[in-house]
């Protein structure tokens, strides 16, 4: 496998394939059938080495960590773009994210070696002391 591909597995449902050098994201079911392909475009710009994604089953949203663009992207359950978020410029080479039970987004930042906790409802961001 070449170094420009990143593969992540989410549960038993999907195999996600990230093509870091191409402005697209594609994934397939376990039987190999392609489910969807998302391309960066005029509205959101090209992806730049997306490293991870998270599917929130409660909100039915797909979140993409667009690492070298320092942003999180969200898509609905039909893979339509919803929004881009950079935490007020505090995302610095984000690598991974997850939502906790309270709805906070937790992001690991490689660029400044931090972990951010984002309270979406209150629009507050705090750094986790390690």
Foldseek 3Di string as FASTA:
>chain_A
DDPQWDWDDDDQFKIWIDRQVAQKTWIDGPVRHTDDMGGQDPVGHGQHRWADWDQDVVQQKIWICSFVVQWIWIAHVVRHTDDIDNLVVPAARWHDWDADPQRWIWIQHPRVRWIWTADVVVRDIDTDDD
